[in-house]
Amino acid sequence: MQAVEVKNFLEEKLPGTRVEVEGEGCNFQLNVISDEIAALSPVKRQQQIYAHLNPWITDGRIHAVTMKFFSSAAWAERT
């Protein structure tokens, strides 16, 4: 699996969300930029992402995912 596949898939499933993905094969690191998701509790944030990735985790296409969440303002300050 390629990082661009994960990026495109999540951005399609989560309109208004920007996802930066690093990694390849079955291990990925996600930077999720969304004011809506960033406002949620840490558990709810992860649930939003895992809800979409679970089929790929279950079938082994994705083995490990790490996530960081940013509001638009926090992301702009970072870059």
PDB file of N, CA and C in Angstrom:
ATOM      1  N   MET A   1       0.840  -1.169   0.000  1.00  0.00           N
ATOM      2  CA  MET A   1       0.000   0.000   0.000  1.00  0.00           C
ATOM      3  C   MET A   1       0.894   1.244   0.000  1.00  0.00           C
ATOM      4  N   GLN A   2       0.470   2.240  -0.709  1.00  0.00           N
ATOM      5  CA  GLN A   2       1.229   3.481  -0.818  1.00  0.00           C
ATOM      6  C   GLN A   2       0.592   4.584   0.031  1.00  0.00           C
ATOM      7  N   ALA A   3       1.426   5.506   0.477  1.00  0.00           N
ATOM      8  CA  ALA A   3       0.958   6.618   1.309  1.00  0.00           C
ATOM      9  C   ALA A   3      -0.122   7.430   0.600  1.00  0.00           C
ATOM     10  N   VAL A   4       0.031   7.634  -0.702  1.00  0.00           N
ATOM     11  CA  VAL A   4      -0.942   8.435  -1.450  1.00  0.00           C
ATOM     12  C   VAL A   4      -2.322   7.772  -1.444  1.00  0.00           C
ATOM     13  N   GLU A   5      -2.378   6.455  -1.418  1.00  0.00           N
ATOM     14  CA  GLU A   5      -3.665   5.753  -1.338  1.00  0.00           C
ATOM     15  C   GLU A   5      -4.364   6.062  -0.018  1.00  0.00           C
ATOM     16  N   VAL A   6      -3.607   6.021   1.063  1.00  0.00           N
ATOM     17  CA  VAL A   6      -4.170   6.310   2.385  1.00  0.00           C
ATOM     18  C   VAL A   6      -4.635   7.760   2.438  1.00  0.00           C
ATOM     19  N   LYS A   7      -3.805   8.675   1.955  1.00  0.00           N
ATOM     20  CA  LYS A   7      -4.141  10.106   1.938  1.00  0.00           C
ATOM     21  C   LYS A   7      -5.436  10.352   1.169  1.00  0.00           C
ATOM     22  N   ASN A   8      -5.490   9.877  -0.069  1.00  0.00           N
ATOM     23  CA  ASN A   8      -6.661  10.112  -0.909  1.00  0.00           C
ATOM     24  C   ASN A   8      -7.919   9.492  -0.310  1.00  0.00           C
ATOM     25  N   PHE A   9      -7.790   8.295   0.229  1.00  0.00           N
ATOM     26  CA  PHE A   9      -8.925   7.603   0.827  1.00  0.00           C
ATOM     27  C   PHE A   9      -9.484   8.387   2.014  1.00  0.00           C
ATOM     28  N   LEU A  10      -8.613   8.784   2.934  1.00  0.00           N
ATOM     29  CA  LEU A  10      -9.085   9.504   4.123  1.00  0.00           C
ATOM     30  C   LEU A  10      -9.639  10.880   3.773  1.00  0.00           C
ATOM     31  N   GLU A  11      -9.009  11.579   2.840  1.00  0.00           N
ATOM     32  CA  GLU A  11      -9.509  12.902   2.461  1.00  0.00           C
ATOM     33  C   GLU A  11     -10.865  12.796   1.766  1.00  0.00           C
ATOM     34  N   GLU A  12     -11.095  11.698   1.057  1.00  0.00           N
ATOM     35  CA  GLU A  12     -12.405  11.469   0.443  1.00  0.00           C
ATOM     36  C   GLU A  12     -13.461  11.165   1.509  1.00  0.00           C
ATOM     37  N   LYS A  13     -13.101  10.372   2.496  1.00  0.00           N
ATOM     38  CA  LYS A  13     -14.037   9.972   3.549  1.00  0.00           C
ATOM     39  C   LYS A  13     -14.294  11.078   4.567  1.00  0.00           C
ATOM     40  N   LEU A  14     -13.341  11.990   4.721  1.00  0.00           N
ATOM     41  CA  LEU A  14     -13.446  13.057   5.723  1.00  0.00           C
ATOM     42  C   LEU A  14     -13.357  14.423   5.036  1.00  0.00           C
ATOM     43  N   PRO A  15     -14.433  14.863   4.378  1.00  0.00           N
ATOM     44  CA  PRO A  15     -14.400  16.142   3.659  1.00  0.00           C
ATOM     45  C   PRO A  15     -13.957  17.288   4.569  1.00  0.00           C
ATOM     46  N   GLY A  16     -13.154  18.170   4.017  1.00  0.00           N
ATOM     47  CA  GLY A  16     -12.651  19.304   4.778  1.00  0.00           C
ATOM     48  C   GLY A  16     -11.435  18.988   5.621  1.00  0.00           C
ATOM     49  N   THR A  17     -10.953  17.754   5.515  1.00  0.00           N
ATOM     50  CA  THR A  17      -9.791  17.316   6.283  1.00  0.00           C
ATOM     51  C   THR A  17      -8.603  17.150   5.351  1.00  0.00           C
ATOM     52  N   ARG A  18      -7.473  17.648   5.785  1.00  0.00           N
ATOM     53  CA  ARG A  18      -6.215  17.442   5.056  1.00  0.00           C
ATOM     54  C   ARG A  18      -5.426  16.378   5.805  1.00  0.00           C
ATOM     55  N   VAL A  19      -4.870  15.433   5.061  1.00  0.00           N
ATOM     56  CA  VAL A  19      -4.103  14.360   5.685  1.00  0.00           C
ATOM     57  C   VAL A  19      -2.738  14.278   5.016  1.00  0.00           C
ATOM     58  N   GLU A  20      -1.691  14.404   5.802  1.00  0.00           N
ATOM     59  CA  GLU A  20      -0.325  14.212   5.332  1.00  0.00           C
ATOM     60  C   GLU A  20       0.113  12.833   5.811  1.00  0.00           C
ATOM     61  N   VAL A  21       0.584  12.004   4.897  1.00  0.00           N
ATOM     62  CA  VAL A  21       0.906  10.619   5.224  1.00  0.00           C
ATOM     63  C   VAL A  21       2.360  10.333   4.884  1.00  0.00           C
ATOM     64  N   GLU A  22       3.060   9.718   5.815  1.00  0.00           N
ATOM     65  CA  GLU A  22       4.415   9.221   5.585  1.00  0.00           C
ATOM     66  C   GLU A  22       4.397   7.727   5.843  1.00  0.00           C
ATOM     67  N   GLY A  23       5.314   7.033   5.197  1.00  0.00           N
ATOM     68  CA  GLY A  23       5.417   5.596   5.379  1.00  0.00           C
ATOM     69  C   GLY A  23       5.096   4.868   4.094  1.00  0.00           C
ATOM     70  N   GLU A  24       5.222   3.561   4.159  1.00  0.00           N
ATOM     71  CA  GLU A  24       4.920   2.728   3.003  1.00  0.00           C
ATOM     72  C   GLU A  24       4.723   1.300   3.473  1.00  0.00           C
ATOM     73  N   GLY A  25       4.282   0.479   2.566  1.00  0.00           N
ATOM     74  CA  GLY A  25       4.046  -0.906   2.933  1.00  0.00           C
ATOM     75  C   GLY A  25       2.835  -0.999   3.837  1.00  0.00           C
ATOM     76  N   CYS A  26       3.061  -1.310   5.097  1.00  0.00           N
ATOM     77  CA  CYS A  26       1.926  -1.463   6.022  1.00  0.00           C
ATOM     78  C   CYS A  26       2.072  -0.604   7.279  1.00  0.00           C
ATOM     79  N   ASN A  27       3.025   0.333   7.288  1.00  0.00           N
ATOM     80  CA  ASN A  27       3.253   1.209   8.444  1.00  0.00           C
ATOM     81  C   ASN A  27       3.160   2.669   8.010  1.00  0.00           C
ATOM     82  N   PHE A  28       2.276   3.428   8.669  1.00  0.00           N
ATOM     83  CA  PHE A  28       2.050   4.805   8.254  1.00  0.00           C
ATOM     84  C   PHE A  28       1.985   5.747   9.445  1.00  0.00           C
ATOM     85  N   GLN A  29       2.419   6.984   9.202  1.00  0.00           N
ATOM     86  CA  GLN A  29       2.319   8.070  10.164  1.00  0.00           C
ATOM     87  C   GLN A  29       1.409   9.121   9.531  1.00  0.00           C
ATOM     88  N   LEU A  30       0.381   9.522  10.257  1.00  0.00           N
ATOM     89  CA  LEU A  30      -0.596  10.468   9.733  1.00  0.00           C
ATOM     90  C   LEU A  30      -0.549  11.778  10.500  1.00  0.00           C
ATOM     91  N   ASN A  31      -0.539  12.878   9.774  1.00  0.00           N
ATOM     92  CA  ASN A  31      -0.803  14.199  10.330  1.00  0.00           C
ATOM     93  C   ASN A  31      -2.173  14.588   9.795  1.00  0.00           C
ATOM     94  N   VAL A  32      -3.134  14.712  10.684  1.00  0.00           N
ATOM     95  CA  VAL A  32      -4.510  14.998  10.304  1.00  0.00           C
ATOM     96  C   VAL A  32      -4.807  16.450  10.660  1.00  0.00           C
ATOM     97  N   ILE A  33      -5.125  17.251   9.633  1.00  0.00           N
ATOM     98  CA  ILE A  33      -5.373  18.672   9.828  1.00  0.00           C
ATOM     99  C   ILE A  33      -6.860  18.929   9.619  1.00  0.00           C
ATOM    100  N   SER A  34      -7.553  19.222  10.707  1.00  0.00           N
ATOM    101  CA  SER A  34      -8.999  19.445  10.658  1.00  0.00           C
ATOM    102  C   SER A  34      -9.423  20.162  11.929  1.00  0.00           C
ATOM    103  N   ASP A  35     -10.071  21.303  11.777  1.00  0.00           N
ATOM    104  CA  ASP A  35     -10.570  22.011  12.952  1.00  0.00           C
ATOM    105  C   ASP A  35     -11.624  21.174  13.672  1.00  0.00           C
ATOM    106  N   GLU A  36     -12.474  20.506  12.908  1.00  0.00           N
ATOM    107  CA  GLU A  36     -13.549  19.697  13.493  1.00  0.00           C
ATOM    108  C   GLU A  36     -12.992  18.521  14.289  1.00  0.00           C
ATOM    109  N   ILE A  37     -12.066  17.783  13.704  1.00  0.00           N
ATOM    110  CA  ILE A  37     -11.510  16.612  14.389  1.00  0.00           C
ATOM    111  C   ILE A  37     -10.619  17.039  15.553  1.00  0.00           C
ATOM    112  N   ALA A  38      -9.854  18.109  15.380  1.00  0.00           N
ATOM    113  CA  ALA A  38      -8.965  18.577  16.451  1.00  0.00           C
ATOM    114  C   ALA A  38      -9.746  18.983  17.698  1.00  0.00           C
ATOM    115  N   ALA A  39     -11.006  19.372  17.531  1.00  0.00           N
ATOM    116  CA  ALA A  39     -11.827  19.795  18.667  1.00  0.00           C
ATOM    117  C   ALA A  39     -12.361  18.614  19.482  1.00  0.00           C
ATOM    118  N   LEU A  40     -12.231  17.407  18.956  1.00  0.00           N
ATOM    119  CA  LEU A  40     -12.728  16.216  19.652  1.00  0.00           C
ATOM    120  C   LEU A  40     -11.745  15.752  20.724  1.00  0.00           C
ATOM    121  N   SER A  41     -12.204  14.875  21.587  1.00  0.00           N
ATOM    122  CA  SER A  41     -11.314  14.265  22.581  1.00  0.00           C
ATOM    123  C   SER A  41     -10.314  13.365  21.857  1.00  0.00           C
ATOM    124  N   PRO A  42      -9.173  13.081  22.467  1.00  0.00           N
ATOM    125  CA  PRO A  42      -8.180  12.216  21.814  1.00  0.00           C
ATOM    126  C   PRO A  42      -8.743  10.866  21.362  1.00  0.00           C
ATOM    127  N   VAL A  43      -9.585  10.254  22.165  1.00  0.00           N
ATOM    128  CA  VAL A  43     -10.164   8.958  21.782  1.00  0.00           C
ATOM    129  C   VAL A  43     -11.080   9.119  20.576  1.00  0.00           C
ATOM    130  N   LYS A  44     -11.924  10.137  20.578  1.00  0.00           N
ATOM    131  CA  LYS A  44     -12.841  10.375  19.458  1.00  0.00           C
ATOM    132  C   LYS A  44     -12.075  10.679  18.173  1.00  0.00           C
ATOM    133  N   ARG A  45     -10.947  11.380  18.284  1.00  0.00           N
ATOM    134  CA  ARG A  45     -10.123  11.664  17.102  1.00  0.00           C
ATOM    135  C   ARG A  45      -9.676  10.365  16.447  1.00  0.00           C
ATOM    136  N   GLN A  46      -9.111   9.492  17.263  1.00  0.00           N
ATOM    137  CA  GLN A  46      -8.620   8.223  16.724  1.00  0.00           C
ATOM    138  C   GLN A  46      -9.760   7.380  16.173  1.00  0.00           C
ATOM    139  N   GLN A  47     -10.897   7.396  16.837  1.00  0.00           N
ATOM    140  CA  GLN A  47     -12.043   6.631  16.352  1.00  0.00           C
ATOM    141  C   GLN A  47     -12.472   7.099  14.966  1.00  0.00           C
ATOM    142  N   GLN A  48     -12.394   8.404  14.721  1.00  0.00           N
ATOM    143  CA  GLN A  48     -12.753   8.942  13.409  1.00  0.00           C
ATOM    144  C   GLN A  48     -11.885   8.333  12.304  1.00  0.00           C
ATOM    145  N   ILE A  49     -10.611   8.168  12.578  1.00  0.00           N
ATOM    146  CA  ILE A  49      -9.687   7.631  11.579  1.00  0.00           C
ATOM    147  C   ILE A  49      -9.808   6.116  11.484  1.00  0.00           C
ATOM    148  N   TYR A  50      -9.790   5.450  12.617  1.00  0.00           N
ATOM    149  CA  TYR A  50      -9.869   3.987  12.607  1.00  0.00           C
ATOM    150  C   TYR A  50     -11.170   3.486  11.987  1.00  0.00           C
ATOM    151  N   ALA A  51     -12.250   4.229  12.112  1.00  0.00           N
ATOM    152  CA  ALA A  51     -13.519   3.815  11.513  1.00  0.00           C
ATOM    153  C   ALA A  51     -13.364   3.576  10.014  1.00  0.00           C
ATOM    154  N   HIS A  52     -12.498   4.351   9.380  1.00  0.00           N
ATOM    155  CA  HIS A  52     -12.291   4.211   7.936  1.00  0.00           C
ATOM    156  C   HIS A  52     -11.163   3.243   7.598  1.00  0.00           C
ATOM    157  N   LEU A  53     -10.162   3.157   8.451  1.00  0.00           N
ATOM    158  CA  LEU A  53      -9.006   2.296   8.159  1.00  0.00           C
ATOM    159  C   LEU A  53      -9.190   0.847   8.602  1.00  0.00           C
ATOM    160  N   ASN A  54     -10.162   0.567   9.450  1.00  0.00           N
ATOM    161  CA  ASN A  54     -10.312  -0.782   9.998  1.00  0.00           C
ATOM    162  C   ASN A  54     -10.364  -1.901   8.962  1.00  0.00           C
ATOM    163  N   PRO A  55     -11.044  -1.745   7.827  1.00  0.00           N
ATOM    164  CA  PRO A  55     -11.018  -2.843   6.846  1.00  0.00           C
ATOM    165  C   PRO A  55      -9.597  -3.162   6.362  1.00  0.00           C
ATOM    166  N   TRP A  56      -8.777  -2.139   6.199  1.00  0.00           N
ATOM    167  CA  TRP A  56      -7.398  -2.353   5.740  1.00  0.00           C
ATOM    168  C   TRP A  56      -6.532  -2.918   6.856  1.00  0.00           C
ATOM    169  N   ILE A  57      -6.836  -2.570   8.096  1.00  0.00           N
ATOM    170  CA  ILE A  57      -6.107  -3.138   9.236  1.00  0.00           C
ATOM    171  C   ILE A  57      -6.480  -4.611   9.389  1.00  0.00           C
ATOM    172  N   THR A  58      -7.761  -4.899   9.277  1.00  0.00           N
ATOM    173  CA  THR A  58      -8.248  -6.271   9.425  1.00  0.00           C
ATOM    174  C   THR A  58      -7.659  -7.207   8.383  1.00  0.00           C
ATOM    175  N   ASP A  59      -7.558  -6.738   7.131  1.00  0.00           N
ATOM    176  CA  ASP A  59      -7.039  -7.632   6.080  1.00  0.00           C
ATOM    177  C   ASP A  59      -5.516  -7.593   5.954  1.00  0.00           C
ATOM    178  N   GLY A  60      -4.847  -6.806   6.817  1.00  0.00           N
ATOM    179  CA  GLY A  60      -3.392  -6.807   6.855  1.00  0.00           C
ATOM    180  C   GLY A  60      -2.703  -5.812   5.944  1.00  0.00           C
ATOM    181  N   ARG A  61      -3.465  -5.047   5.159  1.00  0.00           N
ATOM    182  CA  ARG A  61      -2.819  -4.052   4.294  1.00  0.00           C
ATOM    183  C   ARG A  61      -2.167  -2.945   5.112  1.00  0.00           C
ATOM    184  N   ILE A  62      -2.729  -2.672   6.285  1.00  0.00           N
ATOM    185  CA  ILE A  62      -2.124  -1.721   7.220  1.00  0.00           C
ATOM    186  C   ILE A  62      -1.867  -2.463   8.521  1.00  0.00           C
ATOM    187  N   HIS A  63      -0.636  -2.346   9.005  1.00  0.00           N
ATOM    188  CA  HIS A  63      -0.260  -3.019  10.251  1.00  0.00           C
ATOM    189  C   HIS A  63      -0.158  -2.028  11.410  1.00  0.00           C
ATOM    190  N   ALA A  64       0.437  -0.869  11.154  1.00  0.00           N
ATOM    191  CA  ALA A  64       0.659   0.105  12.226  1.00  0.00           C
ATOM    192  C   ALA A  64       0.357   1.511  11.723  1.00  0.00           C
ATOM    193  N   VAL A  65      -0.326   2.276  12.567  1.00  0.00           N
ATOM    194  CA  VAL A  65      -0.669   3.661  12.246  1.00  0.00           C
ATOM    195  C   VAL A  65      -0.377   4.518  13.472  1.00  0.00           C
ATOM    196  N   THR A  66       0.342   5.606  13.266  1.00  0.00           N
ATOM    197  CA  THR A  66       0.482   6.615  14.309  1.00  0.00           C
ATOM    198  C   THR A  66      -0.179   7.884  13.792  1.00  0.00           C
ATOM    199  N   MET A  67      -0.780   8.632  14.687  1.00  0.00           N
ATOM    200  CA  MET A  67      -1.545   9.809  14.282  1.00  0.00           C
ATOM    201  C   MET A  67      -1.214  11.009  15.151  1.00  0.00           C
ATOM    202  N   LYS A  68      -1.153  12.156  14.492  1.00  0.00           N
ATOM    203  CA  LYS A  68      -1.081  13.441  15.182  1.00  0.00           C
ATOM    204  C   LYS A  68      -2.184  14.300  14.585  1.00  0.00           C
ATOM    205  N   PHE A  69      -2.812  15.091  15.429  1.00  0.00           N
ATOM    206  CA  PHE A  69      -3.949  15.899  15.002  1.00  0.00           C
ATOM    207  C   PHE A  69      -3.647  17.375  15.213  1.00  0.00           C
ATOM    208  N   PHE A  70      -4.053  18.185  14.236  1.00  0.00           N
ATOM    209  CA  PHE A  70      -3.790  19.621  14.273  1.00  0.00           C
ATOM    210  C   PHE A  70      -5.026  20.380  13.809  1.00  0.00           C
ATOM    211  N   SER A  71      -5.281  21.523  14.428  1.00  0.00           N
ATOM    212  CA  SER A  71      -6.241  22.466  13.862  1.00  0.00           C
ATOM    213  C   SER A  71      -5.536  23.148  12.692  1.00  0.00           C
ATOM    214  N   SER A  72      -6.292  23.836  11.869  1.00  0.00           N
ATOM    215  CA  SER A  72      -5.680  24.558  10.740  1.00  0.00           C
ATOM    216  C   SER A  72      -4.667  25.583  11.230  1.00  0.00           C
ATOM    217  N   ALA A  73      -5.018  26.298  12.301  1.00  0.00           N
ATOM    218  CA  ALA A  73      -4.116  27.319  12.847  1.00  0.00           C
ATOM    219  C   ALA A  73      -2.848  26.689  13.403  1.00  0.00           C
ATOM    220  N   ALA A  74      -2.985  25.597  14.129  1.00  0.00           N
ATOM    221  CA  ALA A  74      -1.807  24.928  14.698  1.00  0.00           C
ATOM    222  C   ALA A  74      -0.902  24.396  13.597  1.00  0.00           C
ATOM    223  N   TRP A  75      -1.483  23.883  12.521  1.00  0.00           N
ATOM    224  CA  TRP A  75      -0.680  23.377  11.408  1.00  0.00           C
ATOM    225  C   TRP A  75       0.058  24.529  10.723  1.00  0.00           C
ATOM    226  N   ALA A  76      -0.617  25.662  10.535  1.00  0.00           N
ATOM    227  CA  ALA A  76       0.001  26.822   9.889  1.00  0.00           C
ATOM    228  C   ALA A  76       1.172  27.347  10.712  1.00  0.00           C
ATOM    229  N   GLU A  77       1.048  27.331  12.023  1.00  0.00           N
ATOM    230  CA  GLU A  77       2.137  27.784  12.894  1.00  0.00           C
ATOM    231  C   GLU A  77       3.326  26.838  12.835  1.00  0.00           C
ATOM    232  N   ARG A  78       3.059  25.589  12.574  1.00  0.00           N
ATOM    233  CA  ARG A  78       4.088  24.549  12.580  1.00  0.00           C
ATOM    234  C   ARG A  78       4.949  24.573  11.317  1.00  0.00           C
ATOM    235  N   THR A  79       4.350  24.969  10.200  1.00  0.00           N
ATOM    236  CA  THR A  79       5.068  24.901   8.917  1.00  0.00           C
ATOM    237  C   THR A  79       5.565  26.239   8.460  1.00  0.00           C
TER     238      THR A  79
END
